[in-house]
């Protein structure tokens, strides 16, 4: 299970995960993404990925989003 390296007393575990996910995703796309869209993505993925390191989940989301479907 993922645990933050530096726990933040004010924020809850979910907020820490969401923030770390966002930072990881932004690092991958060079900050070229809408913050509101990214927050929605993180909130959507959190229930299925809360046990996973957030930056790892961000990498999976980024690669998946950029995968091009091939036509038959």
C-alpha atoms as a PDB file:
ATOM      1  CA  UNK A   1       0.000   0.000   0.000  1.00  0.00           C
ATOM      2  CA  UNK A   2       1.249   3.478  -0.865  1.00  0.00           C
ATOM      3  CA  UNK A   3       2.246   5.783   1.977  1.00  0.00           C
ATOM      4  CA  UNK A   4       3.382   9.399   1.563  1.00  0.00           C
ATOM      5  CA  UNK A   5       7.025  10.024   2.354  1.00  0.00           C
ATOM      6  CA  UNK A   6       6.236  13.224   4.237  1.00  0.00           C
ATOM      7  CA  UNK A   7       2.762  13.037   5.775  1.00  0.00           C
ATOM      8  CA  UNK A   8       0.826  16.298   5.794  1.00  0.00           C
ATOM      9  CA  UNK A   9      -1.186  16.702   8.972  1.00  0.00           C
ATOM     10  CA  UNK A  10      -3.714  19.180   7.509  1.00  0.00           C
ATOM     11  CA  UNK A  11      -4.693  17.222   4.400  1.00  0.00           C
ATOM     12  CA  UNK A  12      -6.228  13.773   4.348  1.00  0.00           C
ATOM     13  CA  UNK A  13      -4.679  10.738   2.702  1.00  0.00           C
ATOM     14  CA  UNK A  14      -6.904  11.113  -0.360  1.00  0.00           C
ATOM     15  CA  UNK A  15      -5.835  14.737  -0.892  1.00  0.00           C
ATOM     16  CA  UNK A  16      -2.167  13.801  -0.582  1.00  0.00           C
ATOM     17  CA  UNK A  17      -2.638  11.023  -3.158  1.00  0.00           C
ATOM     18  CA  UNK A  18      -4.508  13.358  -5.531  1.00  0.00           C
ATOM     19  CA  UNK A  19      -1.821  16.031  -5.239  1.00  0.00           C
ATOM     20  CA  UNK A  20       1.019  13.587  -5.820  1.00  0.00           C
ATOM     21  CA  UNK A  21      -0.837  12.056  -8.797  1.00  0.00           C
ATOM     22  CA  UNK A  22      -1.320  15.528 -10.288  1.00  0.00           C
ATOM     23  CA  UNK A  23       2.361  16.419  -9.840  1.00  0.00           C
ATOM     24  CA  UNK A  24       3.386  13.123 -11.439  1.00  0.00           C
ATOM     25  CA  UNK A  25       1.046  13.605 -14.392  1.00  0.00           C
ATOM     26  CA  UNK A  26       2.123  17.221 -14.880  1.00  0.00           C
ATOM     27  CA  UNK A  27       5.778  16.140 -14.921  1.00  0.00           C
ATOM     28  CA  UNK A  28       4.995  13.700 -17.743  1.00  0.00           C
ATOM     29  CA  UNK A  29       3.092  16.174 -19.908  1.00  0.00           C
ATOM     30  CA  UNK A  30       5.251  19.240 -19.221  1.00  0.00           C
ATOM     31  CA  UNK A  31       2.400  21.086 -17.438  1.00  0.00           C
ATOM     32  CA  UNK A  32       0.338  21.136 -20.646  1.00  0.00           C
ATOM     33  CA  UNK A  33      -2.991  20.008 -19.198  1.00  0.00           C
ATOM     34  CA  UNK A  34      -6.008  21.763 -17.725  1.00  0.00           C
ATOM     35  CA  UNK A  35      -5.969  21.631 -13.919  1.00  0.00           C
ATOM     36  CA  UNK A  36      -9.703  21.008 -13.618  1.00  0.00           C
ATOM     37  CA  UNK A  37      -9.508  18.119 -16.111  1.00  0.00           C
ATOM     38  CA  UNK A  38      -6.557  16.654 -14.236  1.00  0.00           C
ATOM     39  CA  UNK A  39      -8.387  16.877 -10.896  1.00  0.00           C
ATOM     40  CA  UNK A  40     -11.346  15.042 -12.459  1.00  0.00           C
ATOM     41  CA  UNK A  41      -9.050  12.345 -13.831  1.00  0.00           C
ATOM     42  CA  UNK A  42      -7.398  11.886 -10.447  1.00  0.00           C
ATOM     43  CA  UNK A  43     -10.756  11.681  -8.661  1.00  0.00           C
ATOM     44  CA  UNK A  44     -11.978   9.119 -11.195  1.00  0.00           C
ATOM     45  CA  UNK A  45      -8.889   6.925 -10.861  1.00  0.00           C
ATOM     46  CA  UNK A  46      -8.418   7.197  -7.095  1.00  0.00           C
ATOM     47  CA  UNK A  47     -10.963   4.515  -6.073  1.00  0.00           C
ATOM     48  CA  UNK A  48      -9.201   1.910  -8.233  1.00  0.00           C
ATOM     49  CA  UNK A  49      -5.641   3.067  -7.514  1.00  0.00           C
ATOM     50  CA  UNK A  50      -5.535   4.265  -3.903  1.00  0.00           C
ATOM     51  CA  UNK A  51      -3.334   1.284  -3.004  1.00  0.00           C
ATOM     52  CA  UNK A  52      -0.849   2.173  -5.775  1.00  0.00           C
ATOM     53  CA  UNK A  53       1.821   4.850  -5.617  1.00  0.00           C
ATOM     54  CA  UNK A  54       0.245   7.972  -7.158  1.00  0.00           C
ATOM     55  CA  UNK A  55       3.107   8.715  -9.536  1.00  0.00           C
ATOM     56  CA  UNK A  56       2.957   5.117 -10.765  1.00  0.00           C
ATOM     57  CA  UNK A  57      -0.790   5.526 -11.361  1.00  0.00           C
ATOM     58  CA  UNK A  58      -0.056   8.790 -13.191  1.00  0.00           C
ATOM     59  CA  UNK A  59       2.376   6.986 -15.515  1.00  0.00           C
ATOM     60  CA  UNK A  60      -0.217   4.309 -16.307  1.00  0.00           C
ATOM     61  CA  UNK A  61      -2.879   6.972 -16.954  1.00  0.00           C
ATOM     62  CA  UNK A  62      -0.527   8.984 -19.164  1.00  0.00           C
ATOM     63  CA  UNK A  63       0.554   6.008 -21.267  1.00  0.00           C
ATOM     64  CA  UNK A  64      -3.024   4.782 -21.566  1.00  0.00           C
ATOM     65  CA  UNK A  65      -4.288   8.197 -22.649  1.00  0.00           C
ATOM     66  CA  UNK A  66      -1.653   8.417 -25.365  1.00  0.00           C
ATOM     67  CA  UNK A  67      -2.161   4.915 -26.702  1.00  0.00           C
ATOM     68  CA  UNK A  68      -3.486   5.106 -30.239  1.00  0.00           C
ATOM     69  CA  UNK A  69      -6.234   2.662 -31.161  1.00  0.00           C
ATOM     70  CA  UNK A  70      -5.470   0.926 -34.453  1.00  0.00           C
ATOM     71  CA  UNK A  71      -8.248   0.554 -37.032  1.00  0.00           C
ATOM     72  CA  UNK A  72      -8.912  -2.817 -38.627  1.00  0.00           C
END
